[in-house]
Amino acid sequence: MTSWAQPLVVATRREPAGDGFARVLREAGVNAVAMPTISIGPPLDDGPLADALGQLASNRWIVFTSAEAVAATCTHAVWADAWRSLAERPRIAAVGPATAERVRAFGLPCDLVPERSNGRGLAAALATCDGSLAGARVLWPRSDIAGRDLPDALTAAGAVVVEREAYRTCTVQPDALGTFTAMLQGGGVEAVAFFSPSAAT
């Protein structure tokens, strides 16, 4: 079992048993622990996302800006039948490699991953790929606290952005926060790894 001992690397996300960033570090001989600072929950109202998934054929693109959004969308009760029934599917874009990997883990194609892994980079890549986004419907399943860079850039390019809350991001106080704080102040923490802006906040 990993101990809170020196030197230590702390990963601020919840990880499945026997898997994840901290596990890879431990296998490399690094003392690493997971200390989640956020938790993921369902949207307060599931209806808008369900309705949007029932109208997948009307979208030119589905854009994912987090692995959590992929999981929330692709495990939704409406998703499997809606995707399977498509005669012509929308293309799928992911904001970065980790999100694209989650898309492919669900057996789906990932048609676009931008060179710059942020909202504006994704919007620019979509515009370049299509030539013009004027009038294009883009489904964006998102967190309740998602930033506005992507939808603002897509709207400016003429796209019709269909925003639907797919999950909520909630702040949690880690059980080991006191131990972490003491070790951090004492110089016992080598590094802290953040995997999202919300985890850092």
N, C-alpha and C. Protein backbone atom coordinates (compact mmCIF):
# COMPACT_ATOMS: atom_id res chain seq x y z
N MET A 1 0.84 -1.19 0.00
CA MET A 1 0.00 0.00 0.00
C MET A 1 0.88 1.24 0.00
N THR A 2 0.50 2.25 -0.76
CA THR A 2 1.27 3.48 -0.81
C THR A 2 1.10 4.25 0.49
N SER A 3 2.19 4.79 1.01
CA SER A 3 2.13 5.53 2.27
C SER A 3 2.40 7.01 2.03
N TRP A 4 1.90 7.81 2.98
CA TRP A 4 2.18 9.24 2.94
C TRP A 4 3.57 9.45 3.54
N ALA A 5 4.57 9.18 2.70
CA ALA A 5 5.95 9.29 3.14
C ALA A 5 6.74 10.04 2.09
N GLN A 6 7.93 10.46 2.44
CA GLN A 6 8.75 11.25 1.51
C GLN A 6 9.58 10.33 0.62
N PRO A 7 9.90 10.75 -0.62
CA PRO A 7 9.24 11.82 -1.38
C PRO A 7 7.89 11.34 -1.93
N LEU A 8 7.00 12.27 -2.26
CA LEU A 8 5.64 11.91 -2.60
C LEU A 8 5.13 12.71 -3.79
N VAL A 9 4.41 12.03 -4.69
CA VAL A 9 3.70 12.69 -5.78
C VAL A 9 2.21 12.48 -5.53
N VAL A 10 1.44 13.55 -5.62
CA VAL A 10 0.01 13.50 -5.34
C VAL A 10 -0.77 13.75 -6.63
N ALA A 11 -1.68 12.84 -6.97
CA ALA A 11 -2.56 13.00 -8.13
C ALA A 11 -3.94 13.40 -7.63
N THR A 12 -4.46 14.51 -8.16
CA THR A 12 -5.70 15.07 -7.62
C THR A 12 -6.94 14.58 -8.34
N ARG A 13 -6.98 13.32 -8.69
CA ARG A 13 -8.19 12.76 -9.29
C ARG A 13 -8.43 11.37 -8.75
N ARG A 14 -9.69 10.98 -8.74
CA ARG A 14 -10.06 9.63 -8.30
C ARG A 14 -9.64 8.64 -9.37
N GLU A 15 -9.11 7.50 -8.93
CA GLU A 15 -8.63 6.51 -9.88
C GLU A 15 -9.23 5.16 -9.55
N PRO A 16 -9.60 4.41 -10.59
CA PRO A 16 -10.11 3.05 -10.36
C PRO A 16 -9.06 2.20 -9.67
N ALA A 17 -9.51 1.23 -8.91
CA ALA A 17 -8.57 0.35 -8.20
C ALA A 17 -7.62 -0.31 -9.20
N GLY A 18 -6.34 -0.19 -8.92
CA GLY A 18 -5.35 -0.85 -9.76
C GLY A 18 -5.11 -0.19 -11.11
N ASP A 19 -5.56 1.05 -11.27
CA ASP A 19 -5.41 1.69 -12.57
C ASP A 19 -5.13 3.17 -12.35
N GLY A 20 -4.64 3.85 -13.40
CA GLY A 20 -4.51 5.29 -13.34
C GLY A 20 -3.08 5.79 -13.21
N PHE A 21 -2.97 7.11 -13.16
CA PHE A 21 -1.72 7.83 -13.15
C PHE A 21 -0.84 7.42 -11.96
N ALA A 22 -1.44 7.40 -10.76
CA ALA A 22 -0.65 7.05 -9.57
C ALA A 22 -0.10 5.64 -9.67
N ARG A 23 -0.89 4.72 -10.23
CA ARG A 23 -0.41 3.35 -10.38
C ARG A 23 0.82 3.28 -11.27
N VAL A 24 0.80 4.02 -12.39
CA VAL A 24 1.93 4.02 -13.31
C VAL A 24 3.19 4.52 -12.59
N LEU A 25 3.03 5.57 -11.79
CA LEU A 25 4.17 6.09 -11.04
C LEU A 25 4.68 5.07 -10.02
N ARG A 26 3.75 4.43 -9.34
CA ARG A 26 4.16 3.44 -8.33
C ARG A 26 4.93 2.29 -8.98
N GLU A 27 4.48 1.87 -10.18
CA GLU A 27 5.18 0.79 -10.87
C GLU A 27 6.58 1.21 -11.29
N ALA A 28 6.79 2.54 -11.43
CA ALA A 28 8.11 3.05 -11.77
C ALA A 28 8.95 3.32 -10.53
N GLY A 29 8.42 2.97 -9.35
CA GLY A 29 9.17 3.13 -8.12
C GLY A 29 8.96 4.45 -7.40
N VAL A 30 7.97 5.22 -7.85
CA VAL A 30 7.68 6.51 -7.23
C VAL A 30 6.59 6.33 -6.18
N ASN A 31 6.75 6.96 -5.03
CA ASN A 31 5.72 6.94 -4.01
C ASN A 31 4.62 7.92 -4.42
N ALA A 32 3.47 7.42 -4.84
CA ALA A 32 2.41 8.27 -5.36
C ALA A 32 1.06 7.86 -4.77
N VAL A 33 0.22 8.85 -4.53
CA VAL A 33 -1.12 8.60 -4.00
C VAL A 33 -2.14 9.42 -4.78
N ALA A 34 -3.38 8.95 -4.78
CA ALA A 34 -4.49 9.69 -5.38
C ALA A 34 -5.23 10.43 -4.26
N MET A 35 -5.43 11.73 -4.46
CA MET A 35 -6.16 12.55 -3.49
C MET A 35 -7.18 13.39 -4.28
N PRO A 36 -8.35 12.83 -4.57
CA PRO A 36 -9.33 13.55 -5.41
C PRO A 36 -9.78 14.86 -4.80
N THR A 37 -9.87 15.89 -5.64
CA THR A 37 -10.37 17.19 -5.20
C THR A 37 -11.73 17.50 -5.80
N ILE A 38 -12.20 16.67 -6.74
CA ILE A 38 -13.52 16.84 -7.32
C ILE A 38 -14.20 15.48 -7.44
N SER A 39 -15.52 15.51 -7.55
CA SER A 39 -16.29 14.31 -7.86
C SER A 39 -17.22 14.62 -9.01
N ILE A 40 -17.60 13.58 -9.73
CA ILE A 40 -18.46 13.75 -10.91
C ILE A 40 -19.84 13.19 -10.60
N GLY A 41 -20.87 13.98 -10.90
CA GLY A 41 -22.24 13.55 -10.65
C GLY A 41 -23.12 13.76 -11.86
N PRO A 42 -24.31 13.21 -11.85
CA PRO A 42 -25.23 13.37 -13.00
C PRO A 42 -25.79 14.79 -13.05
N PRO A 43 -26.29 15.20 -14.20
CA PRO A 43 -26.92 16.52 -14.29
C PRO A 43 -28.17 16.58 -13.44
N LEU A 44 -28.55 17.77 -13.02
CA LEU A 44 -29.77 17.93 -12.22
C LEU A 44 -31.00 17.54 -13.03
N ASP A 45 -30.96 17.82 -14.34
CA ASP A 45 -32.06 17.48 -15.23
C ASP A 45 -31.49 16.73 -16.42
N ASP A 46 -31.84 15.46 -16.54
CA ASP A 46 -31.32 14.60 -17.60
C ASP A 46 -32.07 14.77 -18.92
N GLY A 47 -33.21 15.41 -18.89
CA GLY A 47 -34.07 15.51 -20.07
C GLY A 47 -33.44 16.17 -21.27
N PRO A 48 -32.81 17.35 -21.12
CA PRO A 48 -32.23 18.03 -22.29
C PRO A 48 -31.19 17.19 -23.02
N LEU A 49 -30.34 16.49 -22.30
CA LEU A 49 -29.34 15.64 -22.96
C LEU A 49 -30.03 14.47 -23.67
N ALA A 50 -31.00 13.86 -23.03
CA ALA A 50 -31.73 12.76 -23.65
C ALA A 50 -32.39 13.21 -24.94
N ASP A 51 -33.00 14.38 -24.93
CA ASP A 51 -33.64 14.91 -26.14
C ASP A 51 -32.62 15.13 -27.26
N ALA A 52 -31.46 15.69 -26.88
CA ALA A 52 -30.42 15.96 -27.88
C ALA A 52 -29.88 14.67 -28.48
N LEU A 53 -29.71 13.66 -27.64
CA LEU A 53 -29.20 12.38 -28.14
C LEU A 53 -30.22 11.70 -29.06
N GLY A 54 -31.48 11.98 -28.84
CA GLY A 54 -32.50 11.45 -29.72
C GLY A 54 -32.54 12.12 -31.08
N GLN A 55 -31.77 13.21 -31.22
CA GLN A 55 -31.73 13.96 -32.48
C GLN A 55 -30.29 14.04 -33.02
N LEU A 56 -29.54 12.98 -32.84
CA LEU A 56 -28.14 12.98 -33.25
C LEU A 56 -27.97 13.26 -34.74
N ALA A 57 -28.89 12.79 -35.54
CA ALA A 57 -28.76 12.92 -36.99
C ALA A 57 -28.75 14.37 -37.46
N SER A 58 -29.25 15.28 -36.62
CA SER A 58 -29.30 16.69 -37.02
C SER A 58 -27.97 17.41 -36.83
N ASN A 59 -26.99 16.73 -36.24
CA ASN A 59 -25.70 17.36 -35.93
C ASN A 59 -24.63 16.98 -36.95
N ARG A 60 -23.79 17.93 -37.29
CA ARG A 60 -22.64 17.64 -38.14
C ARG A 60 -21.49 17.10 -37.30
N TRP A 61 -21.35 17.62 -36.07
CA TRP A 61 -20.27 17.22 -35.18
C TRP A 61 -20.81 16.96 -33.78
N ILE A 62 -20.15 16.06 -33.07
CA ILE A 62 -20.26 15.95 -31.62
C ILE A 62 -18.88 16.26 -31.08
N VAL A 63 -18.78 17.21 -30.16
CA VAL A 63 -17.47 17.59 -29.64
C VAL A 63 -17.40 17.25 -28.15
N PHE A 64 -16.31 16.61 -27.77
CA PHE A 64 -16.09 16.24 -26.38
C PHE A 64 -14.88 17.00 -25.86
N THR A 65 -15.05 17.66 -24.72
CA THR A 65 -13.95 18.42 -24.13
C THR A 65 -13.45 17.81 -22.83
N SER A 66 -13.90 16.61 -22.51
CA SER A 66 -13.36 15.88 -21.35
C SER A 66 -13.71 14.41 -21.48
N ALA A 67 -12.91 13.59 -20.84
CA ALA A 67 -13.21 12.15 -20.82
C ALA A 67 -14.50 11.89 -20.06
N GLU A 68 -14.78 12.71 -19.04
CA GLU A 68 -16.02 12.55 -18.28
C GLU A 68 -17.25 12.78 -19.15
N ALA A 69 -17.15 13.75 -20.07
CA ALA A 69 -18.28 14.00 -20.97
C ALA A 69 -18.51 12.82 -21.90
N VAL A 70 -17.43 12.20 -22.34
CA VAL A 70 -17.55 11.01 -23.19
C VAL A 70 -18.28 9.90 -22.43
N ALA A 71 -17.83 9.65 -21.20
CA ALA A 71 -18.43 8.58 -20.41
C ALA A 71 -19.90 8.87 -20.12
N ALA A 72 -20.21 10.09 -19.74
CA ALA A 72 -21.59 10.45 -19.40
C ALA A 72 -22.50 10.32 -20.61
N THR A 73 -21.99 10.66 -21.79
CA THR A 73 -22.80 10.60 -23.01
C THR A 73 -22.96 9.17 -23.51
N CYS A 74 -21.85 8.45 -23.55
CA CYS A 74 -21.87 7.12 -24.17
C CYS A 74 -22.44 6.03 -23.27
N THR A 75 -22.64 6.33 -22.00
CA THR A 75 -23.33 5.38 -21.12
C THR A 75 -24.77 5.80 -20.87
N HIS A 76 -25.20 6.88 -21.51
CA HIS A 76 -26.58 7.35 -21.35
C HIS A 76 -27.54 6.32 -21.94
N ALA A 77 -28.70 6.18 -21.33
CA ALA A 77 -29.67 5.17 -21.75
C ALA A 77 -30.12 5.35 -23.19
N VAL A 78 -30.07 6.58 -23.70
CA VAL A 78 -30.56 6.86 -25.06
C VAL A 78 -29.48 6.63 -26.11
N TRP A 79 -28.20 6.70 -25.71
CA TRP A 79 -27.10 6.77 -26.67
C TRP A 79 -27.03 5.58 -27.62
N ALA A 80 -26.99 4.37 -27.09
CA ALA A 80 -26.72 3.19 -27.92
C ALA A 80 -27.72 3.06 -29.07
N ASP A 81 -29.00 3.15 -28.76
CA ASP A 81 -30.02 3.02 -29.81
C ASP A 81 -29.95 4.19 -30.79
N ALA A 82 -29.71 5.39 -30.27
CA ALA A 82 -29.65 6.57 -31.13
C ALA A 82 -28.49 6.47 -32.12
N TRP A 83 -27.33 6.04 -31.64
CA TRP A 83 -26.15 5.93 -32.51
C TRP A 83 -26.32 4.81 -33.52
N ARG A 84 -26.87 3.69 -33.08
CA ARG A 84 -27.03 2.53 -33.94
C ARG A 84 -28.03 2.79 -35.06
N SER A 85 -29.00 3.66 -34.82
CA SER A 85 -30.05 3.91 -35.80
C SER A 85 -29.67 4.92 -36.87
N LEU A 86 -28.49 5.54 -36.75
CA LEU A 86 -28.11 6.59 -37.68
C LEU A 86 -27.80 6.02 -39.07
N ALA A 87 -28.37 6.65 -40.08
CA ALA A 87 -28.01 6.30 -41.46
C ALA A 87 -26.71 7.00 -41.84
N GLU A 88 -26.56 8.22 -41.38
CA GLU A 88 -25.32 8.98 -41.59
C GLU A 88 -24.96 9.63 -40.27
N ARG A 89 -23.83 9.23 -39.73
CA ARG A 89 -23.49 9.68 -38.39
C ARG A 89 -22.78 11.02 -38.39
N PRO A 90 -22.93 11.80 -37.32
CA PRO A 90 -22.10 13.00 -37.17
C PRO A 90 -20.66 12.60 -36.89
N ARG A 91 -19.74 13.47 -37.22
CA ARG A 91 -18.34 13.21 -36.89
C ARG A 91 -18.09 13.56 -35.43
N ILE A 92 -17.04 12.97 -34.88
CA ILE A 92 -16.72 13.16 -33.47
C ILE A 92 -15.36 13.82 -33.34
N ALA A 93 -15.30 14.87 -32.53
CA ALA A 93 -14.04 15.56 -32.25
C ALA A 93 -13.76 15.52 -30.75
N ALA A 94 -12.49 15.39 -30.40
CA ALA A 94 -12.07 15.37 -28.99
C ALA A 94 -11.03 16.46 -28.76
N VAL A 95 -11.07 17.07 -27.61
CA VAL A 95 -10.20 18.22 -27.35
C VAL A 95 -8.72 17.83 -27.24
N GLY A 96 -8.44 16.58 -26.85
CA GLY A 96 -7.06 16.15 -26.70
C GLY A 96 -6.94 14.64 -26.74
N PRO A 97 -5.71 14.13 -26.67
CA PRO A 97 -5.47 12.69 -26.80
C PRO A 97 -6.17 11.83 -25.75
N ALA A 98 -6.20 12.29 -24.50
CA ALA A 98 -6.84 11.48 -23.45
C ALA A 98 -8.34 11.36 -23.69
N THR A 99 -8.96 12.45 -24.13
CA THR A 99 -10.39 12.41 -24.43
C THR A 99 -10.65 11.54 -25.66
N ALA A 100 -9.77 11.63 -26.66
CA ALA A 100 -9.90 10.79 -27.84
C ALA A 100 -9.77 9.32 -27.48
N GLU A 101 -8.88 9.01 -26.57
CA GLU A 101 -8.70 7.62 -26.13
C GLU A 101 -9.97 7.09 -25.48
N ARG A 102 -10.65 7.94 -24.70
CA ARG A 102 -11.90 7.52 -24.08
C ARG A 102 -12.97 7.29 -25.14
N VAL A 103 -13.01 8.13 -26.15
CA VAL A 103 -13.97 7.94 -27.26
C VAL A 103 -13.75 6.57 -27.89
N ARG A 104 -12.51 6.26 -28.20
CA ARG A 104 -12.20 4.99 -28.87
C ARG A 104 -12.45 3.79 -27.95
N ALA A 105 -12.34 4.01 -26.66
CA ALA A 105 -12.61 2.93 -25.70
C ALA A 105 -14.06 2.48 -25.76
N PHE A 106 -14.94 3.37 -26.21
CA PHE A 106 -16.35 3.02 -26.38
C PHE A 106 -16.63 2.47 -27.78
N GLY A 107 -15.57 2.19 -28.53
CA GLY A 107 -15.74 1.61 -29.86
C GLY A 107 -16.18 2.61 -30.91
N LEU A 108 -15.93 3.89 -30.67
CA LEU A 108 -16.36 4.94 -31.58
C LEU A 108 -15.16 5.53 -32.32
N PRO A 109 -15.38 6.03 -33.52
CA PRO A 109 -14.30 6.70 -34.24
C PRO A 109 -14.08 8.10 -33.68
N CYS A 110 -12.86 8.55 -33.66
CA CYS A 110 -12.56 9.94 -33.30
C CYS A 110 -12.00 10.59 -34.56
N ASP A 111 -12.77 11.47 -35.16
CA ASP A 111 -12.43 12.02 -36.46
C ASP A 111 -11.46 13.20 -36.41
N LEU A 112 -11.37 13.84 -35.24
CA LEU A 112 -10.53 15.03 -35.16
C LEU A 112 -10.02 15.24 -33.75
N VAL A 113 -8.70 15.46 -33.64
CA VAL A 113 -8.07 15.86 -32.39
C VAL A 113 -7.15 17.03 -32.73
N PRO A 114 -7.38 18.22 -32.18
CA PRO A 114 -6.58 19.38 -32.56
C PRO A 114 -5.16 19.30 -32.03
N GLU A 115 -4.27 20.06 -32.65
CA GLU A 115 -2.89 20.13 -32.16
C GLU A 115 -2.83 20.85 -30.82
N ARG A 116 -3.68 21.87 -30.66
CA ARG A 116 -3.75 22.60 -29.39
C ARG A 116 -4.93 22.07 -28.60
N SER A 117 -4.66 21.52 -27.42
CA SER A 117 -5.71 20.87 -26.63
C SER A 117 -6.46 21.87 -25.75
N ASN A 118 -7.20 22.75 -26.39
CA ASN A 118 -8.07 23.67 -25.66
C ASN A 118 -9.27 24.02 -26.53
N GLY A 119 -10.20 24.77 -25.96
CA GLY A 119 -11.43 25.07 -26.67
C GLY A 119 -11.23 25.81 -27.98
N ARG A 120 -10.41 26.84 -27.95
CA ARG A 120 -10.18 27.62 -29.17
C ARG A 120 -9.44 26.79 -30.22
N GLY A 121 -8.52 25.96 -29.77
CA GLY A 121 -7.81 25.09 -30.70
C GLY A 121 -8.74 24.10 -31.36
N LEU A 122 -9.69 23.58 -30.60
CA LEU A 122 -10.66 22.64 -31.14
C LEU A 122 -11.58 23.33 -32.14
N ALA A 123 -12.04 24.54 -31.80
CA ALA A 123 -12.92 25.28 -32.71
C ALA A 123 -12.20 25.60 -34.02
N ALA A 124 -10.93 26.00 -33.92
CA ALA A 124 -10.16 26.33 -35.12
C ALA A 124 -9.96 25.09 -35.99
N ALA A 125 -9.71 23.95 -35.35
CA ALA A 125 -9.51 22.70 -36.10
C ALA A 125 -10.80 22.28 -36.81
N LEU A 126 -11.93 22.46 -36.16
CA LEU A 126 -13.21 22.14 -36.78
C LEU A 126 -13.46 23.01 -38.00
N ALA A 127 -13.18 24.31 -37.87
CA ALA A 127 -13.38 25.23 -38.99
C ALA A 127 -12.46 24.88 -40.15
N THR A 128 -11.23 24.53 -39.85
CA THR A 128 -10.27 24.16 -40.90
C THR A 128 -10.70 22.87 -41.58
N CYS A 129 -11.15 21.91 -40.80
CA CYS A 129 -11.56 20.61 -41.34
C CYS A 129 -12.77 20.75 -42.26
N ASP A 130 -13.72 21.59 -41.88
CA ASP A 130 -14.96 21.73 -42.64
C ASP A 130 -14.88 22.79 -43.74
N GLY A 131 -13.94 23.70 -43.61
CA GLY A 131 -13.91 24.82 -44.55
C GLY A 131 -14.83 25.93 -44.11
N SER A 132 -16.04 25.58 -43.71
CA SER A 132 -16.99 26.56 -43.17
C SER A 132 -17.92 25.85 -42.19
N LEU A 133 -18.15 26.50 -41.05
CA LEU A 133 -19.08 25.96 -40.06
C LEU A 133 -20.42 26.70 -40.10
N ALA A 134 -20.61 27.55 -41.07
CA ALA A 134 -21.84 28.34 -41.16
C ALA A 134 -23.06 27.42 -41.19
N GLY A 135 -23.91 27.56 -40.19
CA GLY A 135 -25.13 26.77 -40.12
C GLY A 135 -24.97 25.35 -39.61
N ALA A 136 -23.75 24.92 -39.33
CA ALA A 136 -23.51 23.55 -38.87
C ALA A 136 -23.95 23.40 -37.41
N ARG A 137 -24.71 22.36 -37.14
CA ARG A 137 -25.11 22.06 -35.76
C ARG A 137 -24.01 21.23 -35.10
N VAL A 138 -23.59 21.68 -33.92
CA VAL A 138 -22.53 21.01 -33.18
C VAL A 138 -23.06 20.68 -31.79
N LEU A 139 -23.13 19.40 -31.47
CA LEU A 139 -23.57 18.97 -30.15
C LEU A 139 -22.39 18.96 -29.20
N TRP A 140 -22.55 19.65 -28.07
CA TRP A 140 -21.48 19.74 -27.08
C TRP A 140 -22.00 19.28 -25.72
N PRO A 141 -21.84 18.00 -25.38
CA PRO A 141 -22.17 17.53 -24.03
C PRO A 141 -21.09 18.04 -23.07
N ARG A 142 -21.49 18.73 -22.02
CA ARG A 142 -20.49 19.45 -21.22
C ARG A 142 -20.74 19.31 -19.72
N SER A 143 -19.78 19.78 -18.97
CA SER A 143 -19.92 19.92 -17.52
C SER A 143 -20.76 21.15 -17.21
N ASP A 144 -21.29 21.18 -16.01
CA ASP A 144 -22.06 22.35 -15.59
C ASP A 144 -21.19 23.59 -15.42
N ILE A 145 -19.87 23.40 -15.32
CA ILE A 145 -18.97 24.55 -15.12
C ILE A 145 -18.00 24.72 -16.28
N ALA A 146 -18.35 24.18 -17.43
CA ALA A 146 -17.44 24.26 -18.59
C ALA A 146 -17.20 25.71 -18.99
N GLY A 147 -15.97 25.98 -19.46
CA GLY A 147 -15.62 27.32 -19.93
C GLY A 147 -16.32 27.68 -21.22
N ARG A 148 -16.21 28.94 -21.62
CA ARG A 148 -16.96 29.44 -22.76
C ARG A 148 -16.11 29.59 -24.02
N ASP A 149 -14.84 29.25 -23.98
CA ASP A 149 -13.99 29.45 -25.16
C ASP A 149 -14.50 28.70 -26.38
N LEU A 150 -14.83 27.43 -26.21
CA LEU A 150 -15.27 26.62 -27.35
C LEU A 150 -16.58 27.10 -27.95
N PRO A 151 -17.66 27.20 -27.17
CA PRO A 151 -18.92 27.62 -27.79
C PRO A 151 -18.87 29.02 -28.37
N ASP A 152 -18.14 29.92 -27.73
CA ASP A 152 -18.04 31.29 -28.25
C ASP A 152 -17.32 31.30 -29.60
N ALA A 153 -16.23 30.51 -29.69
CA ALA A 153 -15.48 30.47 -30.95
C ALA A 153 -16.29 29.80 -32.05
N LEU A 154 -17.03 28.74 -31.72
CA LEU A 154 -17.86 28.06 -32.71
C LEU A 154 -18.99 28.96 -33.19
N THR A 155 -19.61 29.66 -32.27
CA THR A 155 -20.69 30.57 -32.64
C THR A 155 -20.18 31.69 -33.53
N ALA A 156 -18.99 32.20 -33.21
CA ALA A 156 -18.39 33.25 -34.03
C ALA A 156 -18.11 32.76 -35.45
N ALA A 157 -17.86 31.44 -35.59
CA ALA A 157 -17.60 30.86 -36.91
C ALA A 157 -18.88 30.50 -37.64
N GLY A 158 -20.03 30.76 -37.02
CA GLY A 158 -21.31 30.53 -37.68
C GLY A 158 -22.00 29.23 -37.32
N ALA A 159 -21.41 28.45 -36.43
CA ALA A 159 -22.02 27.17 -36.04
C ALA A 159 -23.19 27.40 -35.09
N VAL A 160 -24.09 26.43 -35.06
CA VAL A 160 -25.18 26.41 -34.10
C VAL A 160 -24.81 25.40 -33.01
N VAL A 161 -24.45 25.90 -31.85
CA VAL A 161 -23.95 25.03 -30.78
C VAL A 161 -25.11 24.56 -29.92
N VAL A 162 -25.26 23.24 -29.83
CA VAL A 162 -26.30 22.63 -28.99
C VAL A 162 -25.62 22.20 -27.69
N GLU A 163 -25.73 23.01 -26.67
CA GLU A 163 -25.09 22.73 -25.38
C GLU A 163 -26.04 21.93 -24.50
N ARG A 164 -25.53 20.84 -23.96
CA ARG A 164 -26.33 20.05 -23.03
C ARG A 164 -25.46 19.62 -21.86
N GLU A 165 -25.97 19.83 -20.67
CA GLU A 165 -25.22 19.43 -19.48
C GLU A 165 -25.24 17.91 -19.37
N ALA A 166 -24.06 17.30 -19.38
CA ALA A 166 -23.94 15.84 -19.31
C ALA A 166 -23.57 15.38 -17.91
N TYR A 167 -22.91 16.24 -17.14
CA TYR A 167 -22.50 15.87 -15.78
C TYR A 167 -22.21 17.12 -14.97
N ARG A 168 -22.17 16.94 -13.66
CA ARG A 168 -21.82 18.04 -12.75
C ARG A 168 -20.47 17.75 -12.11
N THR A 169 -19.71 18.82 -11.91
CA THR A 169 -18.42 18.73 -11.24
C THR A 169 -18.57 19.32 -9.85
N CYS A 170 -18.33 18.52 -8.83
CA CYS A 170 -18.51 18.95 -7.45
C CYS A 170 -17.17 18.94 -6.72
N THR A 171 -16.94 19.96 -5.92
CA THR A 171 -15.72 20.03 -5.12
C THR A 171 -15.86 19.13 -3.90
N VAL A 172 -14.79 18.40 -3.59
CA VAL A 172 -14.78 17.57 -2.39
C VAL A 172 -13.54 17.91 -1.57
N GLN A 173 -13.65 17.75 -0.27
CA GLN A 173 -12.48 17.94 0.59
C GLN A 173 -11.85 16.58 0.83
N PRO A 174 -10.64 16.39 0.35
CA PRO A 174 -9.99 15.08 0.48
C PRO A 174 -9.84 14.66 1.94
N ASP A 175 -9.99 13.36 2.20
CA ASP A 175 -9.84 12.84 3.55
C ASP A 175 -8.44 13.13 4.11
N ALA A 176 -7.45 13.09 3.22
CA ALA A 176 -6.06 13.24 3.67
C ALA A 176 -5.57 14.69 3.54
N LEU A 177 -6.48 15.65 3.46
CA LEU A 177 -6.06 17.04 3.23
C LEU A 177 -5.11 17.55 4.31
N GLY A 178 -5.40 17.22 5.57
CA GLY A 178 -4.54 17.68 6.66
C GLY A 178 -3.13 17.13 6.54
N THR A 179 -3.04 15.84 6.23
CA THR A 179 -1.73 15.20 6.05
C THR A 179 -1.00 15.82 4.88
N PHE A 180 -1.72 16.02 3.77
CA PHE A 180 -1.12 16.63 2.58
C PHE A 180 -0.59 18.02 2.88
N THR A 181 -1.39 18.84 3.55
CA THR A 181 -0.98 20.21 3.87
C THR A 181 0.27 20.24 4.72
N ALA A 182 0.32 19.38 5.73
CA ALA A 182 1.49 19.31 6.60
C ALA A 182 2.73 18.88 5.83
N MET A 183 2.58 17.89 4.95
CA MET A 183 3.72 17.43 4.16
C MET A 183 4.15 18.49 3.16
N LEU A 184 3.19 19.19 2.57
CA LEU A 184 3.52 20.24 1.62
C LEU A 184 4.32 21.35 2.29
N GLN A 185 3.87 21.77 3.47
CA GLN A 185 4.56 22.83 4.20
C GLN A 185 5.93 22.39 4.68
N GLY A 186 6.06 21.07 4.91
CA GLY A 186 7.34 20.55 5.37
C GLY A 186 8.28 20.15 4.25
N GLY A 187 7.88 20.37 3.00
CA GLY A 187 8.74 20.02 1.86
C GLY A 187 8.71 18.56 1.48
N GLY A 188 7.70 17.83 1.94
CA GLY A 188 7.65 16.40 1.68
C GLY A 188 6.91 16.00 0.43
N VAL A 189 6.38 16.97 -0.32
CA VAL A 189 5.66 16.67 -1.55
C VAL A 189 6.51 17.08 -2.74
N GLU A 190 6.84 16.10 -3.58
CA GLU A 190 7.68 16.37 -4.75
C GLU A 190 6.89 17.08 -5.85
N ALA A 191 5.63 16.65 -6.06
CA ALA A 191 4.83 17.22 -7.15
C ALA A 191 3.36 16.95 -6.89
N VAL A 192 2.53 17.84 -7.43
CA VAL A 192 1.08 17.66 -7.40
C VAL A 192 0.60 17.70 -8.84
N ALA A 193 -0.12 16.67 -9.27
CA ALA A 193 -0.58 16.57 -10.66
C ALA A 193 -2.06 16.92 -10.74
N PHE A 194 -2.37 17.91 -11.58
CA PHE A 194 -3.76 18.31 -11.83
C PHE A 194 -4.15 17.88 -13.24
N PHE A 195 -5.39 17.40 -13.40
CA PHE A 195 -5.84 16.87 -14.68
C PHE A 195 -6.98 17.67 -15.29
N SER A 196 -7.38 18.75 -14.63
CA SER A 196 -8.43 19.61 -15.16
C SER A 196 -8.39 20.94 -14.44
N PRO A 197 -8.90 22.01 -15.07
CA PRO A 197 -8.97 23.30 -14.38
C PRO A 197 -9.80 23.24 -13.11
N SER A 198 -10.88 22.45 -13.13
CA SER A 198 -11.73 22.36 -11.93
C SER A 198 -11.00 21.70 -10.78
N ALA A 199 -10.16 20.72 -11.07
CA ALA A 199 -9.38 20.07 -9.99
C ALA A 199 -8.39 21.06 -9.40
N ALA A 200 -7.78 21.89 -10.23
CA ALA A 200 -6.85 22.90 -9.74
C ALA A 200 -7.57 23.95 -8.90
N THR A 201 -8.75 24.37 -9.36
CA THR A 201 -9.52 25.36 -8.61
C THR A 201 -9.91 24.81 -7.24
